Amino acid sequence: MGHALKISRRSLQENNIGKIYHICDWSQLYRAIGKDAREKLRNLFSKMGELVRQYKSKIPETDAESIAHEFMRAFKSGVVVDHDILFNPKTFSDVLLIGVRSEMFKKKAFPHFCYGLIDYCDIIVAHGYIMNDNIKRLFLDYLTPSTSNEEVAEYCREIRNLIAEAEDMLWSPGTLSEVKYALKKGKTVFVLRGTKLRKVKIEDVSRFKEVPFDNYGLRLYNEIWQPIAKRVYRTLTPHSLFKQSKSKPT
């Protein structure tokens, strides 16, 4: 989804937000901050790894939020680039950070780690799963499995119906919860609509269509939806990704 982020950056500039320095991996983060901040973040990443080893499942909310706040304070106080920062949380999934297990920390600390990051942001830029006619066709092909498992078949039918109804986007439960949190905190939130960003209000969120978890505790969101979504978007060119649907955006 890197192309989408580039378009978001241009759209932010069009909204008079200023020059943007985009961070989506460790090397970009490293270049954006000074020596002292780098050392503080290294120590925080080590602490993340310790918490991952300490807790087998969920990391306590207070620890998750505390680490997020420490991270943002160290980061914001150490910025050396003369730009506004567009920080992508996928930075924590960078292969260079595998050793400190920051991606696993983010998963175990969800959603309160992400909420803690949002607390220190001025503007939130969010986007869901972009939908147009071409993308819908790809999803519908994948979501017509030959299976005798009724739970799987029911889940696929539910998502196919959602896709058929979607006008421009579907949302993951996690991203949608972060958008709601940011709005309740009074943050300015933009969401991607086609190739443009649109400012949203809390009442707009009720119209967003959310990809559900299954009703059986089978982790079908993780086992079916996420792998298919990755497969679909990896096959798309920027042109096919942003080709307009015949349906009108909300």
C-alpha atoms as a PDB file:
ATOM      1  CA  MET A   1       0.000   0.000   0.000  1.00  0.00           C
ATOM      2  CA  GLY A   2       3.016   2.267  -0.352  1.00  0.00           C
ATOM      3  CA  HIS A   3       1.588   4.060  -3.387  1.00  0.00           C
ATOM      4  CA  ALA A   4      -1.490   4.981  -1.383  1.00  0.00           C
ATOM      5  CA  LEU A   5       0.721   6.564   1.237  1.00  0.00           C
ATOM      6  CA  LYS A   6       2.560   8.613  -1.388  1.00  0.00           C
ATOM      7  CA  ILE A   7      -0.750   9.921  -2.650  1.00  0.00           C
ATOM      8  CA  SER A   8      -1.796  10.686   0.917  1.00  0.00           C
ATOM      9  CA  ARG A   9       1.363  12.725   1.355  1.00  0.00           C
ATOM     10  CA  ARG A  10       0.633  14.820  -1.726  1.00  0.00           C
ATOM     11  CA  SER A  11      -2.939  15.296  -0.572  1.00  0.00           C
ATOM     12  CA  LEU A  12      -1.708  16.449   2.835  1.00  0.00           C
ATOM     13  CA  GLN A  13       0.429  19.023   1.094  1.00  0.00           C
ATOM     14  CA  GLU A  14      -2.612  20.133  -0.885  1.00  0.00           C
ATOM     15  CA  ASN A  15      -4.355  20.680   2.469  1.00  0.00           C
ATOM     16  CA  ASN A  16      -1.610  23.165   3.416  1.00  0.00           C
ATOM     17  CA  ILE A  17      -0.106  20.898   6.058  1.00  0.00           C
ATOM     18  CA  GLY A  18       3.410  21.552   4.775  1.00  0.00           C
ATOM     19  CA  LYS A  19       6.386  19.497   3.708  1.00  0.00           C
ATOM     20  CA  ILE A  20       6.107  15.854   4.744  1.00  0.00           C
ATOM     21  CA  TYR A  21       8.848  13.446   5.788  1.00  0.00           C
ATOM     22  CA  HIS A  22       7.412   9.940   5.527  1.00  0.00           C
ATOM     23  CA  ILE A  23       8.634   7.257   7.959  1.00  0.00           C
ATOM     24  CA  CYS A  24       7.707   3.647   7.297  1.00  0.00           C
ATOM     25  CA  ASP A  25      10.904   1.763   8.235  1.00  0.00           C
ATOM     26  CA  TRP A  26      13.783   1.875  10.720  1.00  0.00           C
ATOM     27  CA  SER A  27      16.274   3.563   8.389  1.00  0.00           C
ATOM     28  CA  GLN A  28      13.891   6.474   7.750  1.00  0.00           C
ATOM     29  CA  LEU A  29      13.213   6.773  11.466  1.00  0.00           C
ATOM     30  CA  TYR A  30      16.947   6.671  12.216  1.00  0.00           C
ATOM     31  CA  ARG A  31      17.694   9.502   9.764  1.00  0.00           C
ATOM     32  CA  ALA A  32      14.915  11.683  11.190  1.00  0.00           C
ATOM     33  CA  ILE A  33      16.237  11.867  14.763  1.00  0.00           C
ATOM     34  CA  GLY A  34      19.406  12.879  16.584  1.00  0.00           C
ATOM     35  CA  LYS A  35      21.928  10.742  18.458  1.00  0.00           C
ATOM     36  CA  ASP A  36      20.319  11.015  21.904  1.00  0.00           C
ATOM     37  CA  ALA A  37      16.879  10.077  20.573  1.00  0.00           C
ATOM     38  CA  ARG A  38      18.346   7.077  18.734  1.00  0.00           C
ATOM     39  CA  GLU A  39      19.809   5.782  21.989  1.00  0.00           C
ATOM     40  CA  LYS A  40      16.512   6.279  23.812  1.00  0.00           C
ATOM     41  CA  LEU A  41      14.634   4.384  21.111  1.00  0.00           C
ATOM     42  CA  ARG A  42      17.157   1.526  21.132  1.00  0.00           C
ATOM     43  CA  ASN A  43      16.551   1.165  24.865  1.00  0.00           C
ATOM     44  CA  LEU A  44      12.792   1.232  24.317  1.00  0.00           C
ATOM     45  CA  PHE A  45      12.996  -1.441  21.635  1.00  0.00           C
ATOM     46  CA  SER A  46      14.946  -3.599  24.085  1.00  0.00           C
ATOM     47  CA  LYS A  47      12.212  -3.038  26.665  1.00  0.00           C
ATOM     48  CA  MET A  48       9.608  -4.097  24.093  1.00  0.00           C
ATOM     49  CA  GLY A  49      11.454  -7.365  23.569  1.00  0.00           C
ATOM     50  CA  GLU A  50      11.569  -7.989  27.318  1.00  0.00           C
ATOM     51  CA  LEU A  51       7.812  -7.477  27.622  1.00  0.00           C
ATOM     52  CA  VAL A  52       7.169  -9.854  24.720  1.00  0.00           C
ATOM     53  CA  ARG A  53       9.158 -12.548  26.508  1.00  0.00           C
ATOM     54  CA  GLN A  54       7.503 -11.795  29.852  1.00  0.00           C
ATOM     55  CA  TYR A  55       3.878 -12.028  28.681  1.00  0.00           C
ATOM     56  CA  LYS A  56       2.700 -15.035  26.684  1.00  0.00           C
ATOM     57  CA  SER A  57      -0.472 -13.402  25.346  1.00  0.00           C
ATOM     58  CA  LYS A  58      -1.581  -9.828  26.028  1.00  0.00           C
ATOM     59  CA  ILE A  59       0.734  -7.127  27.342  1.00  0.00           C
ATOM     60  CA  PRO A  60      -1.008  -5.088  30.104  1.00  0.00           C
ATOM     61  CA  GLU A  61      -2.709  -1.900  28.939  1.00  0.00           C
ATOM     62  CA  THR A  62      -0.645   0.290  31.256  1.00  0.00           C
ATOM     63  CA  ASP A  63       2.653  -1.099  29.901  1.00  0.00           C
ATOM     64  CA  ALA A  64       1.463  -0.807  26.294  1.00  0.00           C
ATOM     65  CA  GLU A  65       0.383   2.797  26.732  1.00  0.00           C
ATOM     66  CA  SER A  66       3.495   3.723  28.741  1.00  0.00           C
ATOM     67  CA  ILE A  67       5.867   2.379  26.062  1.00  0.00           C
ATOM     68  CA  ALA A  68       3.922   4.248  23.348  1.00  0.00           C
ATOM     69  CA  HIS A  69       4.110   7.513  25.263  1.00  0.00           C
ATOM     70  CA  GLU A  70       7.839   7.065  25.967  1.00  0.00           C
ATOM     71  CA  PHE A  71       8.434   6.286  22.302  1.00  0.00           C
ATOM     72  CA  MET A  72       6.597   9.371  21.079  1.00  0.00           C
ATOM     73  CA  ARG A  73       8.225  11.700  23.610  1.00  0.00           C
ATOM     74  CA  ALA A  74      11.716  10.485  22.667  1.00  0.00           C
ATOM     75  CA  PHE A  75      10.903  10.612  18.974  1.00  0.00           C
ATOM     76  CA  LYS A  76       9.267  14.056  18.922  1.00  0.00           C
ATOM     77  CA  SER A  77      11.958  15.642  21.091  1.00  0.00           C
ATOM     78  CA  GLY A  78      14.708  14.257  18.869  1.00  0.00           C
ATOM     79  CA  VAL A  79      13.442  15.144  15.384  1.00  0.00           C
ATOM     80  CA  VAL A  80      16.122  16.852  13.287  1.00  0.00           C
ATOM     81  CA  VAL A  81      14.351  17.113   9.914  1.00  0.00           C
ATOM     82  CA  ASP A  82      12.602  20.360   9.010  1.00  0.00           C
ATOM     83  CA  HIS A  83       9.353  18.710   7.909  1.00  0.00           C
ATOM     84  CA  ASP A  84       6.078  17.544   9.323  1.00  0.00           C
ATOM     85  CA  ILE A  85       6.293  13.806  10.016  1.00  0.00           C
ATOM     86  CA  LEU A  86       3.986  11.169   8.540  1.00  0.00           C
ATOM     87  CA  PHE A  87       4.755   8.157  10.745  1.00  0.00           C
ATOM     88  CA  ASN A  88       3.519   4.730   9.647  1.00  0.00           C
ATOM     89  CA  PRO A  89       3.230   2.139  12.467  1.00  0.00           C
ATOM     90  CA  LYS A  90       4.394  -0.508  10.005  1.00  0.00           C
ATOM     91  CA  THR A  91       7.852   0.806  10.967  1.00  0.00           C
ATOM     92  CA  PHE A  92       7.642  -1.652  13.869  1.00  0.00           C
ATOM     93  CA  SER A  93       7.456  -4.509  11.332  1.00  0.00           C
ATOM     94  CA  ASP A  94      10.781  -3.608   9.684  1.00  0.00           C
ATOM     95  CA  VAL A  95      12.979  -6.686   9.172  1.00  0.00           C
ATOM     96  CA  LEU A  96      15.844  -4.787  10.822  1.00  0.00           C
ATOM     97  CA  LEU A  97      13.840  -4.882  14.072  1.00  0.00           C
ATOM     98  CA  ILE A  98      13.152  -8.624  14.086  1.00  0.00           C
ATOM     99  CA  GLY A  99      15.714  -9.125  16.841  1.00  0.00           C
ATOM    100  CA  VAL A 100      13.867  -6.819  19.264  1.00  0.00           C
ATOM    101  CA  ARG A 101      10.469  -8.319  18.296  1.00  0.00           C
ATOM    102  CA  SER A 102       8.750  -4.953  17.989  1.00  0.00           C
ATOM    103  CA  GLU A 103       6.127  -6.332  15.585  1.00  0.00           C
ATOM    104  CA  MET A 104       5.159  -9.020  18.100  1.00  0.00           C
ATOM    105  CA  PHE A 105       5.069  -6.344  20.804  1.00  0.00           C
ATOM    106  CA  LYS A 106       2.646  -4.269  18.717  1.00  0.00           C
ATOM    107  CA  LYS A 107       0.367  -7.303  18.279  1.00  0.00           C
ATOM    108  CA  LYS A 108       0.430  -8.265  21.959  1.00  0.00           C
ATOM    109  CA  ALA A 109      -0.029  -4.646  23.061  1.00  0.00           C
ATOM    110  CA  PHE A 110      -2.908  -3.914  20.669  1.00  0.00           C
ATOM    111  CA  PRO A 111      -4.918  -1.703  20.790  1.00  0.00           C
ATOM    112  CA  HIS A 112      -3.504   0.346  23.655  1.00  0.00           C
ATOM    113  CA  PHE A 113      -0.025   0.708  22.176  1.00  0.00           C
ATOM    114  CA  CYS A 114      -1.579   2.239  19.049  1.00  0.00           C
ATOM    115  CA  TYR A 115      -3.846   4.408  21.178  1.00  0.00           C
ATOM    116  CA  GLY A 116      -0.772   5.653  23.044  1.00  0.00           C
ATOM    117  CA  LEU A 117       0.906   6.616  19.764  1.00  0.00           C
ATOM    118  CA  ILE A 118      -2.243   8.473  18.706  1.00  0.00           C
ATOM    119  CA  ASP A 119      -2.205  10.465  21.966  1.00  0.00           C
ATOM    120  CA  TYR A 120       0.917  12.283  20.744  1.00  0.00           C
ATOM    121  CA  CYS A 121      -0.169  12.788  17.113  1.00  0.00           C
ATOM    122  CA  ASP A 122      -1.670  16.002  15.768  1.00  0.00           C
ATOM    123  CA  ILE A 123      -3.215  14.474  12.629  1.00  0.00           C
ATOM    124  CA  ILE A 124      -4.192  10.900  11.803  1.00  0.00           C
ATOM    125  CA  VAL A 125      -4.172   9.586   8.223  1.00  0.00           C
ATOM    126  CA  ALA A 126      -6.086   6.318   7.821  1.00  0.00           C
ATOM    127  CA  HIS A 127      -7.198   4.092   5.003  1.00  0.00           C
ATOM    128  CA  GLY A 128      -8.951   0.770   4.812  1.00  0.00           C
ATOM    129  CA  TYR A 129      -9.071  -1.845   2.085  1.00  0.00           C
ATOM    130  CA  ILE A 130      -9.609   0.093  -1.138  1.00  0.00           C
ATOM    131  CA  MET A 131     -12.505  -1.263  -3.226  1.00  0.00           C
ATOM    132  CA  ASN A 132     -13.265  -0.683  -6.887  1.00  0.00           C
ATOM    133  CA  ASP A 133     -14.813  -2.942  -9.530  1.00  0.00           C
ATOM    134  CA  ASN A 134     -11.485  -4.574 -10.418  1.00  0.00           C
ATOM    135  CA  ILE A 135     -10.529  -5.256  -6.780  1.00  0.00           C
ATOM    136  CA  LYS A 136     -14.007  -6.554  -5.968  1.00  0.00           C
ATOM    137  CA  ARG A 137     -13.783  -9.114  -8.778  1.00  0.00           C
ATOM    138  CA  LEU A 138     -10.453 -10.396  -7.449  1.00  0.00           C
ATOM    139  CA  PHE A 139     -11.786 -10.707  -3.907  1.00  0.00           C
ATOM    140  CA  LEU A 140     -14.963 -12.460  -5.023  1.00  0.00           C
ATOM    141  CA  ASP A 141     -12.916 -15.012  -6.986  1.00  0.00           C
ATOM    142  CA  TYR A 142     -10.825 -15.848  -3.927  1.00  0.00           C
ATOM    143  CA  LEU A 143     -13.798 -15.833  -1.551  1.00  0.00           C
ATOM    144  CA  THR A 144     -15.670 -18.591  -3.374  1.00  0.00           C
ATOM    145  CA  PRO A 145     -13.917 -21.587  -1.829  1.00  0.00           C
ATOM    146  CA  SER A 146     -14.831 -25.194  -2.476  1.00  0.00           C
ATOM    147  CA  THR A 147     -15.349 -26.333   1.105  1.00  0.00           C
ATOM    148  CA  SER A 148     -17.648 -28.529   3.156  1.00  0.00           C
ATOM    149  CA  ASN A 149     -16.875 -26.473   6.267  1.00  0.00           C
ATOM    150  CA  GLU A 150     -20.104 -24.569   6.913  1.00  0.00           C
ATOM    151  CA  GLU A 151     -18.442 -22.008   9.207  1.00  0.00           C
ATOM    152  CA  VAL A 152     -15.893 -21.106   6.530  1.00  0.00           C
ATOM    153  CA  ALA A 153     -18.557 -20.984   3.825  1.00  0.00           C
ATOM    154  CA  GLU A 154     -20.762 -18.743   5.985  1.00  0.00           C
ATOM    155  CA  TYR A 155     -17.867 -16.365   6.727  1.00  0.00           C
ATOM    156  CA  CYS A 156     -16.982 -16.099   3.038  1.00  0.00           C
ATOM    157  CA  ARG A 157     -20.621 -15.404   2.131  1.00  0.00           C
ATOM    158  CA  GLU A 158     -20.777 -12.639   4.739  1.00  0.00           C
ATOM    159  CA  ILE A 159     -17.669 -10.947   3.348  1.00  0.00           C
ATOM    160  CA  ARG A 160     -18.837 -11.342  -0.263  1.00  0.00           C
ATOM    161  CA  ASN A 161     -22.044  -9.522   0.662  1.00  0.00           C
ATOM    162  CA  LEU A 162     -20.032  -6.735   2.320  1.00  0.00           C
ATOM    163  CA  ILE A 163     -17.827  -6.368  -0.753  1.00  0.00           C
ATOM    164  CA  ALA A 164     -20.863  -6.184  -3.022  1.00  0.00           C
ATOM    165  CA  GLU A 165     -22.274  -3.347  -0.881  1.00  0.00           C
ATOM    166  CA  ALA A 166     -18.983  -1.443  -0.450  1.00  0.00           C
ATOM    167  CA  GLU A 167     -18.738   1.788  -2.415  1.00  0.00           C
ATOM    168  CA  ASP A 168     -15.061   2.612  -2.028  1.00  0.00           C
ATOM    169  CA  MET A 169     -13.544   0.898   1.023  1.00  0.00           C
ATOM    170  CA  LEU A 170     -13.797  -1.772   3.715  1.00  0.00           C
ATOM    171  CA  TRP A 171     -12.195  -1.342   7.134  1.00  0.00           C
ATOM    172  CA  SER A 172     -10.333  -3.678   9.452  1.00  0.00           C
ATOM    173  CA  PRO A 173     -11.664  -3.778  13.037  1.00  0.00           C
ATOM    174  CA  GLY A 174      -8.297  -2.534  14.319  1.00  0.00           C
ATOM    175  CA  THR A 175      -8.005   0.489  12.036  1.00  0.00           C
ATOM    176  CA  LEU A 176     -11.619   1.446  12.644  1.00  0.00           C
ATOM    177  CA  SER A 177     -11.136   1.330  16.424  1.00  0.00           C
ATOM    178  CA  GLU A 178      -8.091   3.614  16.064  1.00  0.00           C
ATOM    179  CA  VAL A 179     -10.067   6.090  13.950  1.00  0.00           C
ATOM    180  CA  LYS A 180     -12.838   6.171  16.567  1.00  0.00           C
ATOM    181  CA  TYR A 181     -10.316   6.621  19.382  1.00  0.00           C
ATOM    182  CA  ALA A 182      -8.565   9.479  17.585  1.00  0.00           C
ATOM    183  CA  LEU A 183     -11.834  11.283  16.894  1.00  0.00           C
ATOM    184  CA  LYS A 184     -12.978  10.923  20.505  1.00  0.00           C
ATOM    185  CA  LYS A 185      -9.645  12.420  21.555  1.00  0.00           C
ATOM    186  CA  GLY A 186     -10.347  15.442  19.372  1.00  0.00           C
ATOM    187  CA  LYS A 187      -7.678  14.627  16.782  1.00  0.00           C
ATOM    188  CA  THR A 188      -7.952  15.694  13.143  1.00  0.00           C
ATOM    189  CA  VAL A 189      -8.524  12.548  11.081  1.00  0.00           C
ATOM    190  CA  PHE A 190      -8.229  12.181   7.319  1.00  0.00           C
ATOM    191  CA  VAL A 191      -9.264   9.031   5.439  1.00  0.00           C
ATOM    192  CA  LEU A 192      -8.303   8.078   1.921  1.00  0.00           C
ATOM    193  CA  ARG A 193     -11.070   8.424  -0.675  1.00  0.00           C
ATOM    194  CA  GLY A 194      -9.793   7.392  -4.098  1.00  0.00           C
ATOM    195  CA  THR A 195      -6.609   9.431  -4.485  1.00  0.00           C
ATOM    196  CA  LYS A 196      -7.710  12.194  -2.125  1.00  0.00           C
ATOM    197  CA  LEU A 197      -7.871  12.629   1.628  1.00  0.00           C
ATOM    198  CA  ARG A 198     -11.113  13.654   3.275  1.00  0.00           C
ATOM    199  CA  LYS A 199     -11.515  14.975   6.795  1.00  0.00           C
ATOM    200  CA  VAL A 200     -13.995  12.897   8.788  1.00  0.00           C
ATOM    201  CA  LYS A 201     -16.129  13.382  11.875  1.00  0.00           C
ATOM    202  CA  ILE A 202     -17.253  10.839  14.452  1.00  0.00           C
ATOM    203  CA  GLU A 203     -20.728  10.611  12.885  1.00  0.00           C
ATOM    204  CA  ASP A 204     -19.159   9.575   9.554  1.00  0.00           C
ATOM    205  CA  VAL A 205     -17.712   6.402  11.067  1.00  0.00           C
ATOM    206  CA  SER A 206     -21.128   4.735  11.426  1.00  0.00           C
ATOM    207  CA  ARG A 207     -21.229   4.508   7.619  1.00  0.00           C
ATOM    208  CA  PHE A 208     -17.867   2.715   7.356  1.00  0.00           C
ATOM    209  CA  LYS A 209     -18.207  -0.987   6.537  1.00  0.00           C
ATOM    210  CA  GLU A 210     -16.072  -3.249   8.729  1.00  0.00           C
ATOM    211  CA  VAL A 211     -14.641  -6.667   7.849  1.00  0.00           C
ATOM    212  CA  PRO A 212     -15.898  -8.856  10.721  1.00  0.00           C
ATOM    213  CA  PHE A 213     -14.307 -11.510  12.860  1.00  0.00           C
ATOM    214  CA  ASP A 214     -16.071 -14.862  12.647  1.00  0.00           C
ATOM    215  CA  ASN A 215     -18.711 -15.887  15.206  1.00  0.00           C
ATOM    216  CA  TYR A 216     -17.054 -19.181  16.109  1.00  0.00           C
ATOM    217  CA  GLY A 217     -13.664 -18.197  17.509  1.00  0.00           C
ATOM    218  CA  LEU A 218     -11.927 -19.861  14.553  1.00  0.00           C
ATOM    219  CA  ARG A 219      -9.683 -16.882  13.699  1.00  0.00           C
ATOM    220  CA  LEU A 220     -11.108 -16.822  10.175  1.00  0.00           C
ATOM    221  CA  TYR A 221     -10.269 -13.121   9.851  1.00  0.00           C
ATOM    222  CA  ASN A 222      -6.596 -14.066  10.264  1.00  0.00           C
ATOM    223  CA  GLU A 223      -6.768 -17.351   8.365  1.00  0.00           C
ATOM    224  CA  ILE A 224      -8.938 -16.295   5.415  1.00  0.00           C
ATOM    225  CA  TRP A 225      -9.391 -12.541   5.043  1.00  0.00           C
ATOM    226  CA  GLN A 226      -5.864 -11.307   5.747  1.00  0.00           C
ATOM    227  CA  PRO A 227      -4.001 -13.766   3.430  1.00  0.00           C
ATOM    228  CA  ILE A 228      -6.473 -13.109   0.608  1.00  0.00           C
ATOM    229  CA  ALA A 229      -6.200  -9.326   1.065  1.00  0.00           C
ATOM    230  CA  LYS A 230      -2.393  -9.499   0.916  1.00  0.00           C
ATOM    231  CA  ARG A 231      -2.580 -11.619  -2.237  1.00  0.00           C
ATOM    232  CA  VAL A 232      -5.041  -9.262  -3.937  1.00  0.00           C
ATOM    233  CA  TYR A 233      -3.211  -6.008  -3.253  1.00  0.00           C
ATOM    234  CA  ARG A 234       0.216  -7.434  -4.125  1.00  0.00           C
ATOM    235  CA  THR A 235      -1.042  -8.248  -7.620  1.00  0.00           C
ATOM    236  CA  LEU A 236      -2.348  -4.744  -8.313  1.00  0.00           C
ATOM    237  CA  THR A 237      -0.597  -1.962 -10.176  1.00  0.00           C
ATOM    238  CA  PRO A 238      -1.071   1.649  -9.008  1.00  0.00           C
ATOM    239  CA  HIS A 239      -3.348   2.199 -12.029  1.00  0.00           C
ATOM    240  CA  SER A 240      -5.655  -0.720 -11.188  1.00  0.00           C
ATOM    241  CA  LEU A 241      -5.586   0.120  -7.477  1.00  0.00           C
ATOM    242  CA  PHE A 242      -6.935   3.632  -7.990  1.00  0.00           C
ATOM    243  CA  LYS A 243      -9.056   3.106 -11.080  1.00  0.00           C
ATOM    244  CA  GLN A 244     -12.423   4.598 -10.249  1.00  0.00           C
ATOM    245  CA  SER A 245     -15.413   2.390  -9.570  1.00  0.00           C
ATOM    246  CA  LYS A 246     -18.708   3.142 -11.229  1.00  0.00           C
ATOM    247  CA  SER A 247     -20.204   3.578  -7.750  1.00  0.00           C
ATOM    248  CA  LYS A 248     -19.991   6.976  -6.127  1.00  0.00           C
ATOM    249  CA  PRO A 249     -17.983   7.417  -2.923  1.00  0.00           C
ATOM    250  CA  THR A 250     -19.832   8.234   0.267  1.00  0.00           C
END
